[in-house]
Amino acid sequence: MTLPLDSSKIAAARLWAVSRFPYLASALFSSTVIAQPECRTAAIDRAWNIHADPSIVESLTVEDLGRLLIHLAGHVLRDHAERAEALRIEAGGGRATWNRASDAEINDDLARDDCIPRVAPDVPRDLGCDDGNLAEAYFHQASDGPRHWDCGSGCDGCERPWDNPNGMGNQQAQLLRLGVAADIQRHHAQHPGTVPGGWVRWAESLRPSRVDWRRVLAAEIRRSVASVAGNVDYTYRRPSRRAGSVPKVILPAMHRPIPNVAVVCDTSGSMHEELLARALAEVEGLLARGGLRQTQVRVLAVDTNVHAVRRVSRASQVELAGGGGTNMGVGIAAAAALHPRPSVIVVLTDGFTPWPDKSPKAVRVIVGLLTQPIIPTDRFALPTWARIVRIEPEVSFAG
């Protein structure tokens, strides 16, 4: 006689799981649980349907079933099926090894909360691997061992006889992943340290944090200018206003230096028209947001040589001469040698340049790195002595 599926236990297990991982709630409640006696497991397919043998559900406690639901949701959220296909994993020994490797990736983030499912207990050390890696690394490094649990086609991409295509489509699944990623980032921001690192990194890979570089750049300029403007010293170049009170004593006056800003604009051959336009826009924004006197901003057009130095009050006055190789160190040195000496140097560049070993003395350097989507900025050896502000391209969405 076939046991009926205990829907009350499944509901209780979901509530238990959500109480442990509230940011996974939308994923945990989006899967349909289907009674499937012939599957002899509780597995998830690519359409986010969970196929469960009622006798398996009966044998598990509410807590163990909740742990398993979290684990299965991890497979489809992290898109292990598509990742398995990218490795060309097919039925056979490779499928079992991938199942263990992807289990270890998920369980690595469940150990701290005592949520590793008893029926699928593989962790990285069981595969002879270090913690904190992805399933692909575990798959290539894993030692031999048995597969404890068949997690279904939602894990390895290989179709099972019981799979049901009527479930969540690819587009709907991706939207759900984005929603869960947003929930993770929100929970991580509100309760730091409560979200496992693997889930935080996964969410960041789907929804990279976007920092408003305009605010960061403006804040850095204001901070640098304020630190100089706040420097007050004595000077004997003009008489003190209080000199009349003591005629026989020469009193110094107070002197507050006016901060100078120099902008080194990369005009090398790698700076195409779009990047040059963005550089000009940043010069304009610098003048407006920094609250600087027009005469106190000088712009240098630099590739491997300094081609032009001009005081500007509008971006249109900048002379973008150059077009050769790139060496922003030449521009920084030239800016530091200006008279009067600038207190802040802002470098606008795409990053394809060598840098000096150290910052010029008594000058703060801010690098506005004009990023491009197709070129990862981690390939650049950026100076550790400068403040780096990544200037992201504008993003538009087509209908």
Protein backbone atom coordinates (compact mmCIF):
# COMPACT_ATOMS: atom_id res chain seq x y z
CA MET A 1 0.00 0.00 0.00
CA THR A 2 1.40 3.40 -1.02
CA LEU A 3 1.64 5.99 1.74
CA PRO A 4 0.04 9.39 1.07
CA LEU A 5 2.30 12.42 1.06
CA ASP A 6 2.24 14.09 4.48
CA SER A 7 1.48 17.68 3.44
CA SER A 8 1.32 18.85 7.08
CA LYS A 9 4.88 17.68 7.71
CA ILE A 10 6.06 19.39 4.51
CA ALA A 11 4.39 22.66 5.57
CA ALA A 12 5.99 22.40 9.02
CA ALA A 13 9.39 21.65 7.46
CA ARG A 14 9.12 24.72 5.25
CA LEU A 15 8.32 26.92 8.22
CA TRP A 16 11.26 25.45 10.13
CA ALA A 17 13.56 26.12 7.16
CA VAL A 18 12.35 29.72 6.76
CA SER A 19 12.94 30.36 10.47
CA ARG A 20 16.60 29.39 9.93
CA PHE A 21 17.10 31.08 6.54
CA PRO A 22 14.47 33.81 6.16
CA TYR A 23 16.17 35.28 3.09
CA LEU A 24 15.51 31.98 1.22
CA ALA A 25 11.78 32.09 1.92
CA SER A 26 10.63 32.90 -1.62
CA ALA A 27 12.64 29.97 -3.02
CA LEU A 28 11.46 27.54 -0.33
CA PHE A 29 7.80 28.34 -0.99
CA SER A 30 8.13 28.36 -4.79
CA SER A 31 8.73 24.62 -5.22
CA THR A 32 5.84 22.22 -5.66
CA VAL A 33 6.22 18.89 -3.81
CA ILE A 34 4.90 15.95 -5.84
CA ALA A 35 4.35 12.42 -4.51
CA GLN A 36 6.60 10.08 -6.51
CA PRO A 37 6.94 6.64 -4.87
CA GLU A 38 9.10 5.21 -7.67
CA CYS A 39 11.84 7.81 -7.32
CA ARG A 40 13.05 6.36 -3.98
CA THR A 41 14.40 9.77 -2.99
CA ALA A 42 13.38 13.40 -2.54
CA ALA A 43 14.87 15.27 -5.47
CA ILE A 44 14.34 18.51 -7.36
CA ASP A 45 14.04 18.82 -11.14
CA ARG A 46 15.04 21.71 -13.37
CA ALA A 47 11.52 23.17 -13.23
CA TRP A 48 11.81 23.47 -9.43
CA ASN A 49 9.44 20.54 -8.72
CA ILE A 50 10.38 18.39 -5.74
CA HIS A 51 9.63 14.71 -6.34
CA ALA A 52 9.37 12.87 -3.04
CA ASP A 53 8.84 9.26 -2.14
CA PRO A 54 6.18 9.45 0.64
CA SER A 55 8.00 6.74 2.60
CA ILE A 56 11.13 8.91 2.60
CA VAL A 57 9.14 11.90 3.89
CA GLU A 58 7.64 9.65 6.57
CA SER A 59 11.11 8.53 7.72
CA LEU A 60 12.44 12.05 8.20
CA THR A 61 11.75 14.32 11.14
CA VAL A 62 10.39 17.81 10.47
CA GLU A 63 13.85 19.26 11.11
CA ASP A 64 15.61 16.80 8.80
CA LEU A 65 13.05 17.42 6.07
CA GLY A 66 13.52 21.18 6.53
CA ARG A 67 17.29 20.78 6.14
CA LEU A 68 16.74 18.80 2.94
CA LEU A 69 14.37 21.44 1.52
CA ILE A 70 17.01 24.14 2.12
CA HIS A 71 19.63 21.93 0.48
CA LEU A 72 17.50 21.22 -2.62
CA ALA A 73 16.64 24.92 -2.98
CA GLY A 74 20.38 25.62 -2.97
CA HIS A 75 20.87 23.43 -6.06
CA VAL A 76 18.36 25.31 -8.22
CA LEU A 77 19.21 28.75 -6.85
CA ARG A 78 22.88 28.25 -7.69
CA ASP A 79 21.89 26.77 -11.08
CA HIS A 80 23.92 23.60 -10.60
CA ALA A 81 22.18 21.94 -13.57
CA GLU A 82 23.42 24.49 -16.10
CA ARG A 83 26.86 24.52 -14.51
CA ALA A 84 26.97 20.71 -14.83
CA GLU A 85 26.11 21.00 -18.52
CA ALA A 86 28.93 23.51 -18.96
CA LEU A 87 31.29 20.78 -17.68
CA ARG A 88 29.65 18.26 -20.07
CA ILE A 89 28.65 15.99 -17.19
CA GLU A 90 26.55 13.06 -18.37
CA ALA A 91 24.99 10.00 -16.72
CA GLY A 92 27.53 7.77 -15.01
CA GLY A 93 30.36 8.30 -12.58
CA GLY A 94 30.72 11.97 -13.45
CA ARG A 95 27.13 12.64 -12.44
CA ALA A 96 27.66 11.09 -9.00
CA THR A 97 30.88 13.06 -8.44
CA TRP A 98 29.16 16.30 -9.45
CA ASN A 99 26.30 15.55 -7.06
CA ARG A 100 28.81 15.18 -4.20
CA ALA A 101 30.72 18.31 -5.28
CA SER A 102 27.61 20.50 -5.52
CA ASP A 103 26.35 19.09 -2.20
CA ALA A 104 29.66 20.13 -0.63
CA GLU A 105 29.35 23.66 -2.05
CA ILE A 106 25.90 24.08 -0.46
CA ASN A 107 26.61 22.28 2.82
CA ASP A 108 29.72 24.37 3.41
CA ASP A 109 27.32 27.27 4.05
CA LEU A 110 24.87 25.23 6.15
CA ALA A 111 27.32 23.82 8.69
CA ARG A 112 27.39 26.87 10.96
CA ASP A 113 23.61 26.79 11.46
CA ASP A 114 23.51 22.98 11.91
CA CYS A 115 21.43 22.68 8.74
CA ILE A 116 23.36 20.03 6.80
CA PRO A 117 20.79 17.36 5.80
CA ARG A 118 21.44 13.99 7.39
CA VAL A 119 20.70 12.17 4.11
CA ALA A 120 23.04 14.36 1.98
CA PRO A 121 25.92 15.12 4.36
CA ASP A 122 28.91 15.69 2.04
CA VAL A 123 31.12 18.64 2.97
CA PRO A 124 34.43 19.68 1.33
CA ARG A 125 36.63 17.69 3.71
CA ASP A 126 34.74 14.48 2.77
CA LEU A 127 35.99 15.04 -0.78
CA GLY A 128 39.53 15.80 0.38
CA CYS A 129 39.10 19.51 -0.42
CA ASP A 130 39.40 22.81 1.40
CA ASP A 131 36.34 24.82 2.41
CA GLY A 132 35.11 27.90 0.59
CA ASN A 133 35.37 26.79 -3.05
CA LEU A 134 32.82 26.19 -5.80
CA ALA A 135 31.45 22.86 -7.00
CA GLU A 136 33.63 23.00 -10.13
CA ALA A 137 36.79 23.00 -8.00
CA TYR A 138 35.50 20.17 -5.81
CA PHE A 139 34.52 18.16 -8.91
CA HIS A 140 38.08 18.24 -10.30
CA GLN A 141 39.76 17.65 -6.92
CA ALA A 142 37.35 15.18 -5.28
CA SER A 143 38.60 11.89 -3.92
CA ASP A 144 36.58 8.77 -4.64
CA GLY A 145 33.55 8.15 -2.48
CA PRO A 146 29.90 7.09 -2.57
CA ARG A 147 27.05 9.39 -3.46
CA HIS A 148 24.70 9.52 -0.49
CA TRP A 149 21.66 11.08 -2.14
CA ASP A 150 20.23 11.61 -5.62
CA CYS A 151 19.31 15.31 -5.69
CA GLY A 152 17.74 15.15 -9.16
CA SER A 153 18.12 16.90 -12.50
CA GLY A 154 18.03 20.28 -10.74
CA CYS A 155 21.49 19.28 -9.50
CA ASP A 156 23.19 17.59 -12.45
CA GLY A 157 21.04 18.47 -15.48
CA CYS A 158 20.42 14.80 -16.39
CA GLU A 159 16.73 14.07 -16.95
CA ARG A 160 14.94 11.55 -14.71
CA PRO A 161 11.88 9.49 -15.71
CA TRP A 162 9.74 11.33 -13.17
CA ASP A 163 10.73 14.87 -14.15
CA ASN A 164 7.82 17.21 -14.79
CA PRO A 165 8.32 20.01 -17.35
CA ASN A 166 5.31 21.86 -15.96
CA GLY A 167 6.93 24.06 -13.40
CA MET A 168 9.07 27.16 -13.33
CA GLY A 169 10.46 28.42 -16.62
CA ASN A 170 13.99 29.71 -17.10
CA GLN A 171 13.01 33.39 -17.13
CA GLN A 172 10.82 33.05 -14.05
CA ALA A 173 13.58 31.13 -12.29
CA GLN A 174 16.12 33.85 -13.04
CA LEU A 175 13.79 36.53 -11.70
CA LEU A 176 13.35 34.48 -8.53
CA ARG A 177 17.12 34.13 -8.16
CA LEU A 178 17.49 37.89 -8.44
CA GLY A 179 14.79 38.36 -5.80
CA VAL A 180 16.50 35.95 -3.41
CA ALA A 181 19.85 37.65 -4.04
CA ALA A 182 18.27 41.00 -3.12
CA ASP A 183 16.81 39.46 0.06
CA ILE A 184 20.24 38.10 1.00
CA GLN A 185 21.92 41.46 0.48
CA ARG A 186 19.21 43.24 2.47
CA HIS A 187 19.46 40.75 5.36
CA HIS A 188 23.26 40.91 5.28
CA ALA A 189 23.13 44.73 5.49
CA GLN A 190 20.64 44.72 8.36
CA HIS A 191 22.20 41.81 10.30
CA PRO A 192 25.93 41.66 9.48
CA GLY A 193 27.58 38.32 10.09
CA THR A 194 24.36 36.28 10.02
CA VAL A 195 24.49 35.25 6.34
CA PRO A 196 27.07 32.59 5.37
CA GLY A 197 29.84 33.88 3.15
CA GLY A 198 28.98 31.59 0.24
CA TRP A 199 25.46 32.97 0.01
CA VAL A 200 26.74 36.56 0.20
CA ARG A 201 29.21 35.91 -2.63
CA TRP A 202 26.51 34.21 -4.71
CA ALA A 203 24.16 37.18 -4.25
CA GLU A 204 26.95 39.60 -5.17
CA SER A 205 27.63 37.63 -8.37
CA LEU A 206 24.00 38.10 -9.43
CA ARG A 207 23.50 41.63 -8.14
CA PRO A 208 26.87 43.42 -7.92
CA SER A 209 26.81 46.29 -5.45
CA ARG A 210 26.68 49.57 -7.34
CA VAL A 211 28.39 52.43 -5.56
CA ASP A 212 27.44 55.93 -6.65
CA TRP A 213 30.90 56.88 -7.88
CA ARG A 214 29.81 60.53 -8.34
CA ARG A 215 29.18 60.87 -4.61
CA VAL A 216 32.42 59.05 -3.78
CA LEU A 217 34.47 61.22 -6.13
CA ALA A 218 32.87 64.45 -4.89
CA ALA A 219 33.38 63.37 -1.26
CA GLU A 220 37.04 62.55 -1.87
CA ILE A 221 37.63 65.92 -3.54
CA ARG A 222 35.81 67.78 -0.74
CA ARG A 223 37.79 65.87 1.91
CA SER A 224 41.10 66.59 0.21
CA VAL A 225 40.30 70.26 -0.37
CA ALA A 226 38.98 70.70 3.18
CA SER A 227 42.12 69.19 4.70
CA VAL A 228 44.19 71.82 2.92
CA ALA A 229 41.78 74.69 3.41
CA GLY A 230 41.77 73.95 7.12
CA ASN A 231 45.52 74.39 7.39
CA VAL A 232 46.09 77.78 9.02
CA ASP A 233 49.56 79.12 9.65
CA TYR A 234 51.32 82.39 10.57
CA THR A 235 52.81 84.68 7.94
CA TYR A 236 54.87 87.89 8.07
CA ARG A 237 54.03 88.83 4.46
CA ARG A 238 51.31 91.20 5.64
CA PRO A 239 50.80 92.99 8.96
CA SER A 240 48.55 91.60 11.65
CA ARG A 241 45.25 93.35 12.30
CA ARG A 242 46.28 93.54 15.96
CA ALA A 243 49.63 95.20 15.28
CA GLY A 244 48.34 98.58 16.55
CA SER A 245 47.93 97.26 20.09
CA VAL A 246 51.68 96.60 20.45
CA PRO A 247 53.51 99.12 18.15
CA LYS A 248 57.01 97.93 19.02
CA VAL A 249 56.30 94.24 18.27
CA ILE A 250 55.91 92.76 14.81
CA LEU A 251 52.97 90.40 14.96
CA PRO A 252 52.34 87.80 12.24
CA ALA A 253 49.05 87.59 10.41
CA MET A 254 47.07 84.39 10.00
CA HIS A 255 47.32 82.73 6.59
CA ARG A 256 44.86 80.22 5.17
CA PRO A 257 46.13 78.62 1.92
CA ILE A 258 43.72 78.38 -1.01
CA PRO A 259 43.61 74.76 -2.20
CA ASN A 260 44.71 74.07 -5.75
CA VAL A 261 43.43 71.12 -7.79
CA ALA A 262 45.11 69.66 -10.87
CA VAL A 263 43.36 67.20 -13.19
CA VAL A 264 45.52 64.82 -15.20
CA CYS A 265 43.41 63.67 -18.17
CA ASP A 266 44.54 60.55 -20.03
CA THR A 267 44.52 61.33 -23.77
CA SER A 268 46.35 58.21 -24.96
CA GLY A 269 45.31 56.04 -27.88
CA SER A 270 43.39 53.61 -25.63
CA MET A 271 41.05 56.40 -24.55
CA HIS A 272 38.43 56.23 -27.29
CA GLU A 273 35.84 58.96 -27.91
CA GLU A 274 33.30 57.66 -25.39
CA LEU A 275 35.87 57.55 -22.60
CA LEU A 276 37.16 61.00 -23.51
CA ALA A 277 33.61 62.34 -23.34
CA ARG A 278 33.21 60.80 -19.91
CA ALA A 279 36.52 62.34 -18.81
CA LEU A 280 35.30 65.76 -19.93
CA ALA A 281 32.03 65.25 -18.07
CA GLU A 282 33.96 64.49 -14.90
CA VAL A 283 36.01 67.66 -15.24
CA GLU A 284 32.76 69.59 -15.56
CA GLY A 285 31.34 67.79 -12.55
CA LEU A 286 34.53 68.41 -10.58
CA LEU A 287 34.20 72.14 -11.11
CA ALA A 288 30.51 72.15 -10.13
CA ARG A 289 30.54 69.73 -7.19
CA GLY A 290 33.88 70.57 -5.63
CA GLY A 291 32.91 74.18 -4.93
CA LEU A 292 36.25 75.28 -6.37
CA ARG A 293 37.19 78.71 -7.62
CA GLN A 294 37.48 78.66 -11.39
CA THR A 295 41.09 79.83 -11.39
CA GLN A 296 42.19 77.06 -9.05
CA VAL A 297 41.68 74.09 -11.43
CA ARG A 298 44.32 73.22 -13.98
CA VAL A 299 43.90 70.39 -16.49
CA LEU A 300 46.82 68.52 -18.07
CA ALA A 301 46.36 66.49 -21.28
CA VAL A 302 48.78 63.56 -21.00
CA ASP A 303 49.68 60.41 -22.91
CA THR A 304 53.42 59.67 -22.52
CA ASN A 305 54.05 63.41 -22.54
CA VAL A 306 52.27 66.48 -21.25
CA HIS A 307 50.68 68.13 -24.27
CA ALA A 308 48.68 70.93 -22.68
CA VAL A 309 48.19 72.62 -19.31
CA ARG A 310 45.24 74.98 -18.98
CA ARG A 311 43.25 76.67 -16.26
CA VAL A 312 39.61 75.93 -17.00
CA SER A 313 36.19 76.94 -15.78
CA ARG A 314 34.28 74.71 -18.23
CA ALA A 315 34.96 71.25 -19.60
CA SER A 316 34.77 72.57 -23.15
CA GLN A 317 37.97 74.54 -22.48
CA VAL A 318 39.98 71.35 -21.97
CA GLU A 319 42.41 70.66 -24.81
CA LEU A 320 42.53 66.88 -25.31
CA ALA A 321 45.81 66.66 -27.20
CA GLY A 322 47.77 63.43 -27.43
CA GLY A 323 46.75 60.00 -28.72
CA GLY A 324 49.97 58.03 -28.24
CA GLY A 325 51.08 55.65 -25.50
CA THR A 326 50.25 56.03 -21.82
CA ASN A 327 52.21 57.02 -18.73
CA MET A 328 50.19 58.77 -16.07
CA GLY A 329 53.31 58.97 -13.90
CA VAL A 330 54.57 61.68 -16.25
CA GLY A 331 51.34 63.63 -15.77
CA ILE A 332 51.40 63.25 -11.98
CA ALA A 333 55.00 64.46 -11.82
CA ALA A 334 54.19 67.43 -14.06
CA ALA A 335 51.13 68.31 -11.99
CA ALA A 336 53.13 68.11 -8.74
CA ALA A 337 55.74 70.50 -10.23
CA LEU A 338 53.20 73.20 -11.05
CA HIS A 339 53.37 76.58 -9.30
CA PRO A 340 51.53 77.03 -7.09
CA ARG A 341 51.82 73.38 -6.12
CA PRO A 342 48.46 71.57 -6.17
CA SER A 343 47.19 70.01 -2.98
CA VAL A 344 45.02 67.50 -4.85
CA ILE A 345 45.68 65.70 -8.14
CA VAL A 346 42.79 63.92 -9.85
CA VAL A 347 43.81 61.41 -12.55
CA LEU A 348 41.15 60.40 -15.09
CA THR A 349 42.30 57.28 -16.97
CA ASP A 350 41.21 53.90 -18.34
CA GLY A 351 43.96 52.21 -16.31
CA PHE A 352 46.27 51.09 -19.14
CA THR A 353 49.29 52.86 -17.67
CA PRO A 354 52.30 52.38 -15.42
CA TRP A 355 52.27 54.20 -12.07
CA PRO A 356 54.96 55.78 -9.90
CA ASP A 357 56.14 53.76 -6.90
CA LYS A 358 54.92 56.38 -4.45
CA SER A 359 52.77 59.47 -4.20
CA PRO A 360 54.31 62.92 -4.67
CA LYS A 361 55.07 64.60 -1.36
CA ALA A 362 52.33 66.60 0.35
CA VAL A 363 49.86 65.91 -2.49
CA ARG A 364 46.78 63.73 -2.31
CA VAL A 365 46.11 61.70 -5.48
CA ILE A 366 42.67 60.49 -6.53
CA VAL A 367 42.43 58.12 -9.51
CA GLY A 368 39.14 58.18 -11.41
CA LEU A 369 39.25 54.81 -13.19
CA LEU A 370 37.00 54.96 -16.25
CA THR A 371 35.86 51.35 -16.45
CA GLN A 372 34.69 49.46 -19.52
CA PRO A 373 32.28 46.47 -19.28
CA ILE A 374 34.39 44.16 -21.46
CA ILE A 375 37.64 44.81 -19.60
CA PRO A 376 37.94 43.60 -15.97
CA THR A 377 39.66 46.23 -13.84
CA ASP A 378 41.33 43.63 -11.62
CA ARG A 379 43.92 43.17 -14.38
CA PHE A 380 45.37 46.59 -13.64
CA ALA A 381 48.20 47.15 -11.14
CA LEU A 382 46.60 50.15 -9.46
CA PRO A 383 48.63 52.29 -7.06
CA THR A 384 48.09 51.45 -3.39
CA TRP A 385 49.01 55.00 -2.33
CA ALA A 386 46.14 56.62 -4.26
CA ARG A 387 42.40 56.68 -3.61
CA ILE A 388 40.76 54.70 -6.43
CA VAL A 389 37.25 55.66 -7.56
CA ARG A 390 35.79 53.40 -10.25
CA ILE A 391 33.69 55.46 -12.65
CA GLU A 392 31.07 53.11 -14.04
CA PRO A 393 29.52 53.54 -17.50
CA GLU A 394 25.92 54.61 -17.68
CA VAL A 395 23.53 51.64 -17.99
CA SER A 396 20.45 51.83 -20.18
CA PHE A 397 17.74 49.17 -20.58
CA ALA A 398 16.09 48.55 -23.90
CA GLY A 399 12.42 47.75 -23.89
